[in-house]
C-alpha cells in the first residue's frame, strides 16, 4: 500500500523513494482505536406509510450509514481521537486511497460552479423539506457542482417503463437544476443496508442512486398499498454542511404493472417515480393534495407549484469538493 506522491507538512519525513513506507502506515493504523468513522445519530421512530407515495427508513449498514426518506438522519465523518501530526495530515489524505477505505477519494467530477441553475418559481411555500440533522442548516441537498449518477435494476420491470424513468428523472432535473447521469443497468438488489461506497461494483466514487423494481417479498415495505419508497444518505465532513451522496428508490413491480393497465396508468406510474425521486433529492410529504408530494396521490400527475419551489431550493445546495 502507498499513499502516492502527496505533499506532507513540515516534520513528516518521506522515504528515499518519495513514498510513505509501509511500516509507517502499519504503525499509524496500529495506534488508532479503530473507531467507527461513520457515526449515525440515535435511531428515530418509524414513519407511517400509506397511499402510492410510501416512505420508510433505511436501516444501518456495515459502516453505520443511516438512510432516511422524510427525515434525513445523517452521518458525521470525523476522527474520534486526538490525532498526531502524521495522523491528522498524512493519514487523512491517504485513507481514501487505501484498500478497505469506507470513503472514496474526494472531488470526483467536482466542478468549480453549479452545473445547472434552478428555474424561477412563483414563490409558493407549499413544500416540506426533509429535516436537517444540523439545526443551523436549513436543508440537506446534493452537491450541485457534480452530476447525480443513477442506475436502474431492470429485473421485474414492467414492459415499456424505461422511458417513464427517464421522463421522471428529467422532470426532477428541470425543476431543481441538478444534472443527472444515467450509468446504465445494474444487477444490484435494493437493500436496507446498502453501502454508499461500493468500489468493487461502481469504482472509486460514491455509489449512484439506485432505482430498483422490486416486490413485497423482496422488500416488505412495499406491502399493501405502498407503490414505492425513496430516500438518500447524507454525510458531513468537518467545516462543511451535510450533503447527500447517494440514494435509493424501490418500485413495486407487481402493483405498478396493474396500474399501467388503467387508462392513465403510464402517467400515474411516472408520477409515482417522480414522487420517490422528490424524496431522494430532499422533499418530504405535504398536507396539500394538489401537490405531487402529498402522501396519497389523488390524480396529480405532475409537480405542483409548491413541489417546484421546494425542488428549486434544493438545487441551491453548497458545493463540497472535499467529498
Protein backbone atom coordinates (compact mmCIF):
# COMPACT_ATOMS: atom_id res chain seq x y z
CA UNK A 1 0.00 0.00 0.00
CA UNK A 2 1.15 3.55 -0.61
CA UNK A 3 -0.28 6.99 -0.25
CA UNK A 4 1.15 8.16 -3.56
CA UNK A 5 3.12 11.30 -4.28
CA UNK A 6 1.33 13.70 -1.93
CA UNK A 7 2.74 16.76 -0.18
CA UNK A 8 3.20 16.37 3.54
CA UNK A 9 3.52 19.05 6.22
CA UNK A 10 6.82 20.00 7.84
CA UNK A 11 8.08 17.45 10.29
CA UNK A 12 6.91 14.40 8.36
CA UNK A 13 9.78 12.70 6.53
CA UNK A 14 9.45 10.76 3.30
CA UNK A 15 11.31 7.59 2.47
CA UNK A 16 14.06 7.88 -0.17
CA UNK A 17 11.56 6.75 -2.78
CA UNK A 18 9.35 9.71 -2.00
CA UNK A 19 6.56 7.48 -0.68
CA UNK A 20 5.36 6.88 2.86
CA UNK A 21 6.79 3.48 3.88
CA UNK A 22 4.58 0.54 4.71
CA UNK A 23 5.80 0.39 8.32
CA UNK A 24 4.63 3.96 8.90
CA UNK A 25 1.14 3.20 7.62
CA UNK A 26 1.01 0.00 9.65
CA UNK A 27 2.22 1.78 12.75
CA UNK A 28 -0.31 4.56 12.30
CA UNK A 29 -3.16 2.11 11.94
CA UNK A 30 -1.89 0.15 14.95
CA UNK A 31 -2.06 3.25 17.12
CA UNK A 32 -5.64 4.06 16.23
CA UNK A 33 -8.54 2.83 18.31
CA UNK A 34 -10.42 1.77 15.17
CA UNK A 35 -13.44 3.95 15.94
CA UNK A 36 -16.49 3.96 13.70
CA UNK A 37 -15.65 6.71 11.19
CA UNK A 38 -19.30 6.98 10.14
CA UNK A 39 -21.28 7.72 13.26
CA UNK A 40 -25.05 7.81 13.00
CA UNK A 41 -27.37 9.59 15.38
CA UNK A 42 -29.95 7.82 17.54
CA UNK A 43 -32.46 5.87 15.51
CA UNK A 44 -35.79 7.72 15.38
CA UNK A 45 -39.18 6.06 15.27
CA UNK A 46 -40.85 4.63 12.23
CA UNK A 47 -42.60 6.57 9.50
CA UNK A 48 -46.20 5.87 8.67
CA UNK A 49 -46.66 4.62 5.14
CA UNK A 50 -49.78 4.95 3.10
CA UNK A 51 -51.09 5.50 -0.40
CA UNK A 52 -48.99 5.44 -3.52
CA UNK A 53 -46.19 7.54 -2.06
CA UNK A 54 -44.97 5.29 0.71
CA UNK A 55 -41.89 6.25 2.66
CA UNK A 56 -39.65 4.37 5.01
CA UNK A 57 -36.40 4.46 6.92
CA UNK A 58 -33.39 2.58 5.68
CA UNK A 59 -31.51 0.56 8.27
CA UNK A 60 -27.93 0.92 9.39
CA UNK A 61 -25.33 -0.72 7.18
CA UNK A 62 -21.87 -2.09 7.87
CA UNK A 63 -20.28 1.32 8.14
CA UNK A 64 -23.00 2.89 10.23
CA UNK A 65 -24.60 4.60 7.26
CA UNK A 66 -28.14 5.62 8.06
CA UNK A 67 -30.61 6.15 5.29
CA UNK A 68 -33.74 8.21 5.65
CA UNK A 69 -36.65 9.32 3.50
CA UNK A 70 -38.75 12.07 5.02
CA UNK A 71 -36.36 12.73 7.92
CA UNK A 72 -32.74 12.98 6.86
CA UNK A 73 -30.80 11.21 9.59
CA UNK A 74 -27.21 11.81 8.56
CA UNK A 75 -23.68 10.72 9.17
CA UNK A 76 -20.74 12.58 10.58
CA UNK A 77 -17.30 11.88 9.21
CA UNK A 78 -14.66 12.63 11.80
CA UNK A 79 -11.81 11.39 13.92
CA UNK A 80 -12.79 10.49 17.46
CA UNK A 81 -9.35 10.63 18.99
CA UNK A 82 -6.59 13.19 19.37
CA UNK A 83 -4.57 12.88 16.16
CA UNK A 84 -0.84 13.27 15.83
CA UNK A 85 0.60 15.40 13.04
CA UNK A 86 1.07 12.26 10.93
CA UNK A 87 -2.44 11.05 11.58
CA UNK A 88 -4.05 14.44 11.01
CA UNK A 89 -2.44 15.27 7.69
CA UNK A 90 -0.79 12.30 6.05
CA UNK A 91 -3.23 9.56 7.06
CA UNK A 92 -6.26 11.78 6.42
CA UNK A 93 -5.05 12.30 2.86
CA UNK A 94 -4.05 8.68 2.38
CA UNK A 95 -7.04 6.86 3.88
CA UNK A 96 -9.45 7.25 0.91
CA UNK A 97 -6.81 5.69 -1.35
CA UNK A 98 -6.07 2.66 0.82
CA UNK A 99 -7.69 -0.76 0.34
CA UNK A 100 -10.72 -1.21 2.54
CA UNK A 101 -11.45 2.51 2.80
CA UNK A 102 -15.04 3.40 3.64
CA UNK A 103 -14.97 6.62 1.58
CA UNK A 104 -13.90 7.39 -1.98
CA UNK A 105 -11.10 9.79 -2.87
CA UNK A 106 -12.55 13.31 -2.68
CA UNK A 107 -13.51 15.57 -5.54
CA UNK A 108 -14.70 13.09 -8.16
CA UNK A 109 -16.21 15.15 -11.03
CA UNK A 110 -16.36 18.25 -8.82
CA UNK A 111 -16.68 21.42 -10.89
CA UNK A 112 -15.91 24.97 -9.75
CA UNK A 113 -19.53 26.08 -10.08
CA UNK A 114 -23.03 24.52 -10.23
CA UNK A 115 -23.72 22.50 -13.37
CA UNK A 116 -27.27 23.80 -13.66
CA UNK A 117 -29.47 26.64 -12.47
CA UNK A 118 -32.87 26.08 -10.84
CA UNK A 119 -35.71 27.80 -12.68
CA UNK A 120 -37.64 30.73 -11.26
CA UNK A 121 -40.77 29.81 -9.28
CA UNK A 122 -43.91 31.63 -8.22
CA UNK A 123 -42.77 31.76 -4.61
CA UNK A 124 -45.10 29.04 -3.34
CA UNK A 125 -44.41 27.75 0.16
CA UNK A 126 -46.45 24.55 -0.24
CA UNK A 127 -43.48 22.24 0.23
CA UNK A 128 -41.74 20.42 3.06
CA UNK A 129 -38.02 19.80 3.21
CA UNK A 130 -36.61 16.78 4.93
CA UNK A 131 -35.32 17.65 8.37
CA UNK A 132 -31.67 18.60 8.60
CA UNK A 133 -29.62 16.91 11.35
CA UNK A 134 -27.97 20.28 11.99
CA UNK A 135 -30.31 22.92 13.47
CA UNK A 136 -28.17 25.58 11.86
CA UNK A 137 -28.52 24.07 8.40
CA UNK A 138 -32.00 24.61 6.91
CA UNK A 139 -31.87 21.68 4.49
CA UNK A 140 -29.66 18.93 3.07
CA UNK A 141 -29.11 18.68 -0.68
CA UNK A 142 -26.94 17.06 -3.31
CA UNK A 143 -23.79 18.88 -4.40
CA UNK A 144 -24.89 20.93 -7.45
CA UNK A 145 -21.30 21.15 -8.73
CA UNK A 146 -21.21 17.49 -9.73
CA UNK A 147 -23.69 15.22 -11.52
CA UNK A 148 -26.04 12.88 -9.69
CA UNK A 149 -25.39 9.45 -11.16
CA UNK A 150 -28.10 6.81 -11.18
CA UNK A 151 -28.53 3.20 -12.24
CA UNK A 152 -31.60 1.04 -12.79
CA UNK A 153 -32.09 -2.57 -11.84
CA UNK A 154 -34.40 -3.70 -14.67
CA UNK A 155 -35.33 -7.08 -13.17
CA UNK A 156 -39.13 -7.37 -12.97
CA UNK A 157 -39.60 -4.03 -14.73
CA UNK A 158 -43.00 -3.80 -16.47
CA UNK A 159 -42.57 -3.56 -20.26
CA UNK A 160 -42.16 -0.08 -21.63
CA UNK A 161 -41.24 1.64 -18.38
CA UNK A 162 -37.70 2.63 -19.29
CA UNK A 163 -38.90 5.91 -20.76
CA UNK A 164 -41.06 6.62 -17.70
CA UNK A 165 -37.95 6.58 -15.50
CA UNK A 166 -36.10 8.82 -17.96
CA UNK A 167 -39.01 11.26 -18.02
CA UNK A 168 -39.28 11.29 -14.23
CA UNK A 169 -35.56 11.95 -13.81
CA UNK A 170 -35.73 14.69 -16.45
CA UNK A 171 -38.61 16.37 -14.61
CA UNK A 172 -36.69 16.41 -11.32
CA UNK A 173 -33.59 17.72 -13.08
CA UNK A 174 -35.50 20.52 -14.80
CA UNK A 175 -37.19 21.60 -11.57
CA UNK A 176 -34.04 21.51 -9.41
CA UNK A 177 -31.21 22.32 -11.80
CA UNK A 178 -29.39 19.18 -10.64
CA UNK A 179 -27.79 17.29 -13.51
CA UNK A 180 -28.44 13.53 -13.61
CA UNK A 181 -26.32 10.99 -15.49
CA UNK A 182 -27.58 7.50 -16.32
CA UNK A 183 -24.86 4.91 -15.76
CA UNK A 184 -26.86 2.03 -17.24
CA UNK A 185 -28.44 -1.10 -15.78
CA UNK A 186 -27.18 -2.82 -12.66
CA UNK A 187 -27.63 -6.18 -11.01
CA UNK A 188 -27.50 -4.63 -7.54
CA UNK A 189 -30.52 -5.56 -5.45
CA UNK A 190 -32.16 -2.98 -3.19
CA UNK A 191 -31.15 -3.34 0.41
CA UNK A 192 -31.84 -1.80 3.81
CA UNK A 193 -28.09 -1.99 4.39
CA UNK A 194 -26.98 -0.59 1.08
CA UNK A 195 -23.46 0.82 1.17
CA UNK A 196 -22.91 4.35 -0.07
CA UNK A 197 -19.44 3.40 -1.32
CA UNK A 198 -19.07 0.23 -3.41
CA UNK A 199 -15.73 0.47 -5.26
CA UNK A 200 -15.84 -3.17 -6.35
CA UNK A 201 -19.07 -2.51 -8.24
CA UNK A 202 -19.03 1.16 -9.20
CA UNK A 203 -15.42 2.26 -8.89
CA UNK A 204 -13.82 4.74 -6.52
CA UNK A 205 -16.73 7.16 -6.26
CA UNK A 206 -19.95 7.34 -4.31
CA UNK A 207 -22.42 4.69 -5.40
CA UNK A 208 -25.02 6.01 -7.85
CA UNK A 209 -28.65 6.42 -6.90
CA UNK A 210 -30.28 3.01 -7.31
CA UNK A 211 -33.73 2.74 -8.90
CA UNK A 212 -34.87 -0.84 -8.47
CA UNK A 213 -38.03 -2.66 -9.48
CA UNK A 214 -38.86 -4.99 -6.63
CA UNK A 215 -41.62 -6.97 -4.93
CA UNK A 216 -43.18 -7.05 -1.46
CA UNK A 217 -41.45 -10.39 -0.94
CA UNK A 218 -38.04 -8.87 -1.55
CA UNK A 219 -38.88 -5.53 0.06
CA UNK A 220 -41.60 -5.97 2.71
CA UNK A 221 -42.02 -2.21 3.00
CA UNK A 222 -43.78 -2.36 -0.40
CA UNK A 223 -46.60 -4.47 1.06
CA UNK A 224 -50.17 -3.23 0.90
CA UNK A 225 -50.81 -0.01 -0.99
CA UNK A 226 -47.21 1.18 -0.98
CA UNK A 227 -46.17 1.69 -4.59
CA UNK A 228 -42.65 2.94 -3.91
CA UNK A 229 -40.10 4.17 -1.41
CA UNK A 230 -37.28 6.65 -1.76
CA UNK A 231 -34.54 8.28 0.27
CA UNK A 232 -30.92 9.37 0.42
CA UNK A 233 -27.90 9.16 2.71
CA UNK A 234 -26.05 12.29 3.78
CA UNK A 235 -22.65 12.83 5.33
CA UNK A 236 -20.70 15.71 6.76
CA UNK A 237 -17.02 16.47 6.79
CA UNK A 238 -15.58 18.98 9.28
CA UNK A 239 -16.36 22.57 8.41
CA UNK A 240 -18.89 21.71 5.71
CA UNK A 241 -22.67 21.16 5.64
CA UNK A 242 -24.36 17.78 5.41
CA UNK A 243 -24.53 16.64 1.78
CA UNK A 244 -26.47 13.83 0.13
CA UNK A 245 -24.10 11.42 -1.60
CA UNK A 246 -26.38 8.65 -2.89
CA UNK A 247 -29.94 7.40 -2.70
CA UNK A 248 -32.30 4.55 -3.44
CA UNK A 249 -35.77 4.09 -4.93
CA UNK A 250 -37.77 0.87 -4.73
CA UNK A 251 -40.77 0.38 -7.00
CA UNK A 252 -43.47 -2.25 -6.55
CA UNK A 253 -43.28 -4.08 -9.88
CA UNK A 254 -46.44 -6.25 -9.50
CA UNK A 255 -48.59 -3.39 -8.24
CA UNK A 256 -47.39 -0.90 -10.84
CA UNK A 257 -47.88 -3.47 -13.59
CA UNK A 258 -51.56 -3.45 -12.66
CA UNK A 259 -51.56 0.36 -12.55
CA UNK A 260 -50.22 0.52 -16.11
CA UNK A 261 -53.43 -1.16 -17.32
CA UNK A 262 -55.51 1.87 -16.29
CA UNK A 263 -56.32 4.48 -18.98
CA UNK A 264 -53.94 6.96 -17.33
CA UNK A 265 -51.67 4.24 -15.98
CA UNK A 266 -48.36 5.30 -17.58
CA UNK A 267 -48.78 8.90 -16.41
CA UNK A 268 -49.59 7.73 -12.90
CA UNK A 269 -46.56 5.42 -12.75
CA UNK A 270 -44.34 8.26 -13.96
CA UNK A 271 -45.81 10.48 -11.23
CA UNK A 272 -45.05 7.84 -8.60
CA UNK A 273 -41.43 7.67 -9.74
CA UNK A 274 -41.24 11.48 -9.66
CA UNK A 275 -42.63 11.46 -6.12
CA UNK A 276 -39.99 9.00 -4.91
CA UNK A 277 -37.22 10.92 -6.64
CA UNK A 278 -38.55 14.00 -4.86
CA UNK A 279 -37.80 12.21 -1.59
CA UNK A 280 -34.35 11.27 -2.89
CA UNK A 281 -33.35 14.90 -3.52
CA UNK A 282 -34.78 16.12 -0.22
CA UNK A 283 -38.54 16.74 -0.30
CA UNK A 284 -40.89 15.43 2.38
CA UNK A 285 -44.64 14.87 2.37
CA UNK A 286 -47.01 17.84 2.34
CA UNK A 287 -50.61 18.23 3.51
CA UNK A 288 -51.77 19.82 0.25
CA UNK A 289 -53.42 17.23 -2.04
CA UNK A 290 -52.75 19.42 -5.10
CA UNK A 291 -49.01 18.77 -4.77
CA UNK A 292 -47.31 15.63 -6.07
CA UNK A 293 -45.54 15.23 -2.73
CA UNK A 294 -48.84 14.62 -0.97
CA UNK A 295 -48.69 11.24 0.77
CA UNK A 296 -51.65 9.80 -1.17
CA UNK A 297 -51.92 10.56 -4.84
CA UNK A 298 -55.37 11.77 -5.82
CA UNK A 299 -54.76 12.05 -9.54
CA UNK A 300 -51.87 14.54 -9.51
CA UNK A 301 -49.66 13.70 -12.48
CA UNK A 302 -47.06 16.47 -12.30
CA UNK A 303 -45.23 18.60 -9.79
CA UNK A 304 -47.32 21.38 -8.32
CA UNK A 305 -46.17 24.93 -7.64
CA UNK A 306 -45.07 24.02 -4.13
CA UNK A 307 -43.18 20.95 -5.30
CA UNK A 308 -41.33 23.06 -7.86
CA UNK A 309 -40.46 25.75 -5.32
CA UNK A 310 -39.02 23.13 -2.98
CA UNK A 311 -37.04 21.42 -5.74
CA UNK A 312 -35.64 24.76 -6.91
CA UNK A 313 -34.44 25.47 -3.38
CA UNK A 314 -32.85 22.03 -3.12
CA UNK A 315 -30.89 22.82 -6.28
CA UNK A 316 -29.07 25.62 -4.47
CA UNK A 317 -27.06 23.45 -2.08
CA UNK A 318 -23.41 24.12 -1.39
CA UNK A 319 -20.64 22.65 -3.49
CA UNK A 320 -18.35 20.48 -1.35
CA UNK A 321 -15.34 19.31 -3.41
CA UNK A 322 -13.83 17.73 -0.30
CA UNK A 323 -16.31 14.84 -0.52
